[in-house]
């Protein structure tokens, strides 16, 4: 990856333009996700973002051999 915006992201609270869904909780459970052997540069200050839902929290998220600058 080169100059990628948000190269590693999980966003259970995504709400386009904050219309129709603000403060809505996620009904989707995200678990057992592995990001492995990812290299490159991030076009955003935060290369890794996990925004998990309080009602269905993420679990078993693994990062292995990640090299992002």
PDB file of N, CA and C in Angstrom:
ATOM      1  N   UNK A   1       0.833  -1.162   0.000  1.00  0.00           N
ATOM      2  CA  UNK A   1       0.000   0.000   0.000  1.00  0.00           C
ATOM      3  C   UNK A   1       0.882   1.230   0.000  1.00  0.00           C
ATOM      4  N   UNK A   2       0.438   2.240  -0.699  1.00  0.00           N
ATOM      5  CA  UNK A   2       1.161   3.512  -0.702  1.00  0.00           C
ATOM      6  C   UNK A   2       0.177   4.659  -0.537  1.00  0.00           C
ATOM      7  N   UNK A   3       0.401   5.446   0.510  1.00  0.00           N
ATOM      8  CA  UNK A   3      -0.386   6.639   0.778  1.00  0.00           C
ATOM      9  C   UNK A   3      -1.901   6.348   0.805  1.00  0.00           C
ATOM     10  N   UNK A   4      -2.274   5.278   1.471  1.00  0.00           N
ATOM     11  CA  UNK A   4      -3.670   4.847   1.557  1.00  0.00           C
ATOM     12  C   UNK A   4      -4.339   5.523   2.751  1.00  0.00           C
ATOM     13  N   UNK A   5      -5.518   6.069   2.543  1.00  0.00           N
ATOM     14  CA  UNK A   5      -6.269   6.652   3.652  1.00  0.00           C
ATOM     15  C   UNK A   5      -6.946   5.541   4.442  1.00  0.00           C
ATOM     16  N   UNK A   6      -6.742   5.544   5.753  1.00  0.00           N
ATOM     17  CA  UNK A   6      -7.324   4.536   6.651  1.00  0.00           C
ATOM     18  C   UNK A   6      -7.008   3.108   6.201  1.00  0.00           C
ATOM     19  N   UNK A   7      -5.733   2.735   6.150  1.00  0.00           N
ATOM     20  CA  UNK A   7      -5.383   1.408   5.629  1.00  0.00           C
ATOM     21  C   UNK A   7      -5.952   0.222   6.415  1.00  0.00           C
ATOM     22  N   UNK A   8      -6.082   0.356   7.730  1.00  0.00           N
ATOM     23  CA  UNK A   8      -6.672  -0.718   8.536  1.00  0.00           C
ATOM     24  C   UNK A   8      -7.791  -0.090   9.360  1.00  0.00           C
ATOM     25  N   UNK A   9      -9.020  -0.515   9.088  1.00  0.00           N
ATOM     26  CA  UNK A   9     -10.148   0.118   9.773  1.00  0.00           C
ATOM     27  C   UNK A   9     -11.285  -0.872   9.992  1.00  0.00           C
ATOM     28  N   UNK A  10     -11.857  -0.815  11.170  1.00  0.00           N
ATOM     29  CA  UNK A  10     -13.141  -1.457  11.466  1.00  0.00           C
ATOM     30  C   UNK A  10     -13.991  -0.353  12.065  1.00  0.00           C
ATOM     31  N   UNK A  11     -15.137  -0.078  11.466  1.00  0.00           N
ATOM     32  CA  UNK A  11     -15.997   0.997  11.942  1.00  0.00           C
ATOM     33  C   UNK A  11     -17.437   0.506  12.030  1.00  0.00           C
ATOM     34  N   UNK A  12     -17.812   0.028  13.192  1.00  0.00           N
ATOM     35  CA  UNK A  12     -19.179  -0.437  13.402  1.00  0.00           C
ATOM     36  C   UNK A  12     -20.137   0.732  13.608  1.00  0.00           C
ATOM     37  N   UNK A  13     -19.613   1.924  13.774  1.00  0.00           N
ATOM     38  CA  UNK A  13     -20.451   3.098  14.010  1.00  0.00           C
ATOM     39  C   UNK A  13     -20.523   4.003  12.790  1.00  0.00           C
ATOM     40  N   UNK A  14     -20.200   3.477  11.611  1.00  0.00           N
ATOM     41  CA  UNK A  14     -20.218   4.263  10.373  1.00  0.00           C
ATOM     42  C   UNK A  14     -21.625   4.786  10.112  1.00  0.00           C
ATOM     43  N   UNK A  15     -21.711   6.069   9.814  1.00  0.00           N
ATOM     44  CA  UNK A  15     -22.992   6.709   9.532  1.00  0.00           C
ATOM     45  C   UNK A  15     -22.747   7.797   8.490  1.00  0.00           C
ATOM     46  N   UNK A  16     -23.023   7.512   7.205  1.00  0.00           N
ATOM     47  CA  UNK A  16     -22.744   8.496   6.154  1.00  0.00           C
ATOM     48  C   UNK A  16     -23.441   9.833   6.431  1.00  0.00           C
ATOM     49  N   UNK A  17     -22.678  10.890   6.431  1.00  0.00           N
ATOM     50  CA  UNK A  17     -23.176  12.254   6.632  1.00  0.00           C
ATOM     51  C   UNK A  17     -23.950  12.431   7.941  1.00  0.00           C
ATOM     52  N   UNK A  18     -23.801  11.501   8.877  1.00  0.00           N
ATOM     53  CA  UNK A  18     -24.514  11.555  10.159  1.00  0.00           C
ATOM     54  C   UNK A  18     -26.013  11.765   9.992  1.00  0.00           C
ATOM     55  N   UNK A  19     -26.581  11.103   8.987  1.00  0.00           N
ATOM     56  CA  UNK A  19     -28.013  11.246   8.728  1.00  0.00           C
ATOM     57  C   UNK A  19     -28.700   9.892   8.829  1.00  0.00           C
ATOM     58  N   UNK A  20     -29.748   9.833   9.633  1.00  0.00           N
ATOM     59  CA  UNK A  20     -30.558   8.628   9.722  1.00  0.00           C
ATOM     60  C   UNK A  20     -30.027   7.548  10.641  1.00  0.00           C
ATOM     61  N   UNK A  21     -28.845   7.746  11.204  1.00  0.00           N
ATOM     62  CA  UNK A  21     -28.298   6.679  12.033  1.00  0.00           C
ATOM     63  C   UNK A  21     -27.407   7.134  13.188  1.00  0.00           C
ATOM     64  N   UNK A  22     -27.312   8.419  13.506  1.00  0.00           N
ATOM     65  CA  UNK A  22     -26.458   8.784  14.645  1.00  0.00           C
ATOM     66  C   UNK A  22     -26.879   8.065  15.922  1.00  0.00           C
ATOM     67  N   UNK A  23     -25.897   7.638  16.685  1.00  0.00           N
ATOM     68  CA  UNK A  23     -26.073   6.928  17.956  1.00  0.00           C
ATOM     69  C   UNK A  23     -26.791   5.585  17.807  1.00  0.00           C
ATOM     70  N   UNK A  24     -26.927   5.116  16.596  1.00  0.00           N
ATOM     71  CA  UNK A  24     -27.519   3.786  16.370  1.00  0.00           C
ATOM     72  C   UNK A  24     -26.471   2.739  16.701  1.00  0.00           C
ATOM     73  N   UNK A  25     -26.853   1.682  17.397  1.00  0.00           N
ATOM     74  CA  UNK A  25     -25.889   0.646  17.733  1.00  0.00           C
ATOM     75  C   UNK A  25     -25.827  -0.397  16.627  1.00  0.00           C
ATOM     76  N   UNK A  26     -24.669  -1.007  16.495  1.00  0.00           N
ATOM     77  CA  UNK A  26     -24.459  -2.002  15.445  1.00  0.00           C
ATOM     78  C   UNK A  26     -25.082  -3.339  15.824  1.00  0.00           C
ATOM     79  N   UNK A  27     -25.730  -3.967  14.868  1.00  0.00           N
ATOM     80  CA  UNK A  27     -26.268  -5.312  15.067  1.00  0.00           C
ATOM     81  C   UNK A  27     -25.344  -6.378  14.525  1.00  0.00           C
ATOM     82  N   UNK A  28     -24.183  -5.966  14.026  1.00  0.00           N
ATOM     83  CA  UNK A  28     -23.234  -6.894  13.417  1.00  0.00           C
ATOM     84  C   UNK A  28     -22.083  -7.140  14.385  1.00  0.00           C
ATOM     85  N   UNK A  29     -21.825  -8.385  14.693  1.00  0.00           N
ATOM     86  CA  UNK A  29     -20.714  -8.771  15.561  1.00  0.00           C
ATOM     87  C   UNK A  29     -19.489  -9.013  14.694  1.00  0.00           C
ATOM     88  N   UNK A  30     -18.390  -8.361  15.010  1.00  0.00           N
ATOM     89  CA  UNK A  30     -17.132  -8.558  14.284  1.00  0.00           C
ATOM     90  C   UNK A  30     -16.183  -9.297  15.209  1.00  0.00           C
ATOM     91  N   UNK A  31     -15.709 -10.465  14.754  1.00  0.00           N
ATOM     92  CA  UNK A  31     -14.809 -11.259  15.587  1.00  0.00           C
ATOM     93  C   UNK A  31     -13.884 -12.089  14.722  1.00  0.00           C
ATOM     94  N   UNK A  32     -12.783 -12.485  15.341  1.00  0.00           N
ATOM     95  CA  UNK A  32     -11.810 -13.376  14.703  1.00  0.00           C
ATOM     96  C   UNK A  32     -11.306 -12.823  13.366  1.00  0.00           C
ATOM     97  N   UNK A  33     -10.844 -11.572  13.378  1.00  0.00           N
ATOM     98  CA  UNK A  33     -10.286 -10.927  12.188  1.00  0.00           C
ATOM     99  C   UNK A  33      -8.779 -10.810  12.382  1.00  0.00           C
ATOM    100  N   UNK A  34      -8.008 -11.218  11.376  1.00  0.00           N
ATOM    101  CA  UNK A  34      -6.554 -11.096  11.427  1.00  0.00           C
ATOM    102  C   UNK A  34      -6.072 -10.254  10.259  1.00  0.00           C
ATOM    103  N   UNK A  35      -5.315  -9.209  10.567  1.00  0.00           N
ATOM    104  CA  UNK A  35      -4.606  -8.418   9.561  1.00  0.00           C
ATOM    105  C   UNK A  35      -3.172  -8.910   9.611  1.00  0.00           C
ATOM    106  N   UNK A  36      -2.653  -9.397   8.475  1.00  0.00           N
ATOM    107  CA  UNK A  36      -1.334 -10.031   8.471  1.00  0.00           C
ATOM    108  C   UNK A  36      -0.516  -9.563   7.262  1.00  0.00           C
ATOM    109  N   UNK A  37       0.778  -9.340   7.508  1.00  0.00           N
ATOM    110  CA  UNK A  37       1.739  -9.017   6.442  1.00  0.00           C
ATOM    111  C   UNK A  37       1.314  -7.797   5.631  1.00  0.00           C
ATOM    112  N   UNK A  38       1.011  -6.710   6.317  1.00  0.00           N
ATOM    113  CA  UNK A  38       0.606  -5.474   5.634  1.00  0.00           C
ATOM    114  C   UNK A  38       1.745  -4.472   5.767  1.00  0.00           C
ATOM    115  N   UNK A  39       2.149  -3.917   4.615  1.00  0.00           N
ATOM    116  CA  UNK A  39       3.255  -2.969   4.581  1.00  0.00           C
ATOM    117  C   UNK A  39       2.869  -1.787   3.710  1.00  0.00           C
ATOM    118  N   UNK A  40       3.411  -0.615   4.073  1.00  0.00           N
ATOM    119  CA  UNK A  40       3.178   0.548   3.234  1.00  0.00           C
ATOM    120  C   UNK A  40       3.128   1.831   4.022  1.00  0.00           C
ATOM    121  N   UNK A  41       2.489   2.827   3.423  1.00  0.00           N
ATOM    122  CA  UNK A  41       2.381   4.137   4.039  1.00  0.00           C
ATOM    123  C   UNK A  41       0.916   4.546   4.137  1.00  0.00           C
ATOM    124  N   UNK A  42       0.639   5.298   5.192  1.00  0.00           N
ATOM    125  CA  UNK A  42      -0.719   5.780   5.421  1.00  0.00           C
ATOM    126  C   UNK A  42      -0.828   7.226   4.963  1.00  0.00           C
ATOM    127  N   UNK A  43      -1.919   7.549   4.298  1.00  0.00           N
ATOM    128  CA  UNK A  43      -2.187   8.922   3.879  1.00  0.00           C
ATOM    129  C   UNK A  43      -2.949   9.701   4.933  1.00  0.00           C
ATOM    130  N   UNK A  44      -3.214   9.079   6.080  1.00  0.00           N
ATOM    131  CA  UNK A  44      -3.905   9.731   7.190  1.00  0.00           C
ATOM    132  C   UNK A  44      -3.049   9.601   8.449  1.00  0.00           C
ATOM    133  N   UNK A  45      -3.215  10.521   9.406  1.00  0.00           N
ATOM    134  CA  UNK A  45      -2.400  10.455  10.624  1.00  0.00           C
ATOM    135  C   UNK A  45      -2.563   9.150  11.397  1.00  0.00           C
ATOM    136  N   UNK A  46      -3.758   8.583  11.404  1.00  0.00           N
ATOM    137  CA  UNK A  46      -3.989   7.307  12.085  1.00  0.00           C
ATOM    138  C   UNK A  46      -4.088   6.208  11.039  1.00  0.00           C
ATOM    139  N   UNK A  47      -3.167   5.262  11.102  1.00  0.00           N
ATOM    140  CA  UNK A  47      -3.154   4.174  10.124  1.00  0.00           C
ATOM    141  C   UNK A  47      -4.077   3.033  10.523  1.00  0.00           C
ATOM    142  N   UNK A  48      -4.332   2.905  11.824  1.00  0.00           N
ATOM    143  CA  UNK A  48      -5.158   1.810  12.337  1.00  0.00           C
ATOM    144  C   UNK A  48      -6.281   2.402  13.181  1.00  0.00           C
ATOM    145  N   UNK A  49      -7.527   2.056  12.840  1.00  0.00           N
ATOM    146  CA  UNK A  49      -8.685   2.540  13.587  1.00  0.00           C
ATOM    147  C   UNK A  49      -9.650   1.403  13.840  1.00  0.00           C
ATOM    148  N   UNK A  50      -9.967   1.186  15.102  1.00  0.00           N
ATOM    149  CA  UNK A  50     -11.004   0.226  15.479  1.00  0.00           C
ATOM    150  C   UNK A  50     -12.066   0.996  16.244  1.00  0.00           C
ATOM    151  N   UNK A  51     -13.216   1.189  15.648  1.00  0.00           N
ATOM    152  CA  UNK A  51     -14.340   1.884  16.285  1.00  0.00           C
ATOM    153  C   UNK A  51     -15.450   0.855  16.450  1.00  0.00           C
ATOM    154  N   UNK A  52     -15.396   0.138  17.546  1.00  0.00           N
ATOM    155  CA  UNK A  52     -16.314  -0.971  17.775  1.00  0.00           C
ATOM    156  C   UNK A  52     -17.529  -0.524  18.577  1.00  0.00           C
ATOM    157  N   UNK A  53     -18.633  -1.183  18.326  1.00  0.00           N
ATOM    158  CA  UNK A  53     -19.900  -0.867  18.963  1.00  0.00           C
ATOM    159  C   UNK A  53     -19.914  -1.330  20.420  1.00  0.00           C
ATOM    160  N   UNK A  54     -20.417  -0.493  21.333  1.00  0.00           N
ATOM    161  CA  UNK A  54     -20.521  -0.940  22.720  1.00  0.00           C
ATOM    162  C   UNK A  54     -21.530  -2.074  22.905  1.00  0.00           C
ATOM    163  N   UNK A  55     -22.528  -2.155  22.042  1.00  0.00           N
ATOM    164  CA  UNK A  55     -23.548  -3.209  22.189  1.00  0.00           C
ATOM    165  C   UNK A  55     -23.119  -4.540  21.560  1.00  0.00           C
ATOM    166  N   UNK A  56     -22.240  -4.485  20.557  1.00  0.00           N
ATOM    167  CA  UNK A  56     -21.702  -5.703  19.919  1.00  0.00           C
ATOM    168  C   UNK A  56     -20.200  -5.518  19.740  1.00  0.00           C
ATOM    169  N   UNK A  57     -19.437  -5.525  20.827  1.00  0.00           N
ATOM    170  CA  UNK A  57     -18.013  -5.197  20.729  1.00  0.00           C
ATOM    171  C   UNK A  57     -17.217  -6.179  19.869  1.00  0.00           C
ATOM    172  N   UNK A  58     -16.180  -5.658  19.253  1.00  0.00           N
ATOM    173  CA  UNK A  58     -15.264  -6.480  18.466  1.00  0.00           C
ATOM    174  C   UNK A  58     -14.504  -7.412  19.415  1.00  0.00           C
ATOM    175  N   UNK A  59     -14.135  -8.575  18.910  1.00  0.00           N
ATOM    176  CA  UNK A  59     -13.320  -9.489  19.712  1.00  0.00           C
ATOM    177  C   UNK A  59     -12.424 -10.304  18.790  1.00  0.00           C
ATOM    178  N   UNK A  60     -11.307 -10.717  19.313  1.00  0.00           N
ATOM    179  CA  UNK A  60     -10.393 -11.563  18.551  1.00  0.00           C
ATOM    180  C   UNK A  60      -9.750 -10.869  17.369  1.00  0.00           C
ATOM    181  N   UNK A  61      -9.498  -9.561  17.467  1.00  0.00           N
ATOM    182  CA  UNK A  61      -8.849  -8.819  16.392  1.00  0.00           C
ATOM    183  C   UNK A  61      -7.336  -8.957  16.580  1.00  0.00           C
ATOM    184  N   UNK A  62      -6.646  -9.425  15.544  1.00  0.00           N
ATOM    185  CA  UNK A  62      -5.195  -9.627  15.631  1.00  0.00           C
ATOM    186  C   UNK A  62      -4.480  -8.839  14.550  1.00  0.00           C
ATOM    187  N   UNK A  63      -3.341  -8.261  14.919  1.00  0.00           N
ATOM    188  CA  UNK A  63      -2.442  -7.599  13.980  1.00  0.00           C
ATOM    189  C   UNK A  63      -1.121  -8.350  14.007  1.00  0.00           C
ATOM    190  N   UNK A  64      -0.697  -8.864  12.854  1.00  0.00           N
ATOM    191  CA  UNK A  64       0.539  -9.625  12.775  1.00  0.00           C
ATOM    192  C   UNK A  64       1.411  -9.107  11.647  1.00  0.00           C
ATOM    193  N   UNK A  65       2.636  -8.774  11.975  1.00  0.00           N
ATOM    194  CA  UNK A  65       3.630  -8.320  10.994  1.00  0.00           C
ATOM    195  C   UNK A  65       3.112  -7.126  10.195  1.00  0.00           C
ATOM    196  N   UNK A  66       2.721  -6.061  10.888  1.00  0.00           N
ATOM    197  CA  UNK A  66       2.216  -4.842  10.276  1.00  0.00           C
ATOM    198  C   UNK A  66       3.320  -3.790  10.297  1.00  0.00           C
ATOM    199  N   UNK A  67       3.618  -3.210   9.139  1.00  0.00           N
ATOM    200  CA  UNK A  67       4.638  -2.173   9.044  1.00  0.00           C
ATOM    201  C   UNK A  67       4.080  -1.026   8.206  1.00  0.00           C
ATOM    202  N   UNK A  68       3.438  -0.086   8.883  1.00  0.00           N
ATOM    203  CA  UNK A  68       2.873   1.094   8.218  1.00  0.00           C
ATOM    204  C   UNK A  68       3.529   2.338   8.769  1.00  0.00           C
ATOM    205  N   UNK A  69       3.861   3.281   7.891  1.00  0.00           N
ATOM    206  CA  UNK A  69       4.426   4.553   8.322  1.00  0.00           C
ATOM    207  C   UNK A  69       3.572   5.693   7.815  1.00  0.00           C
TER     208      UNK A  69
END
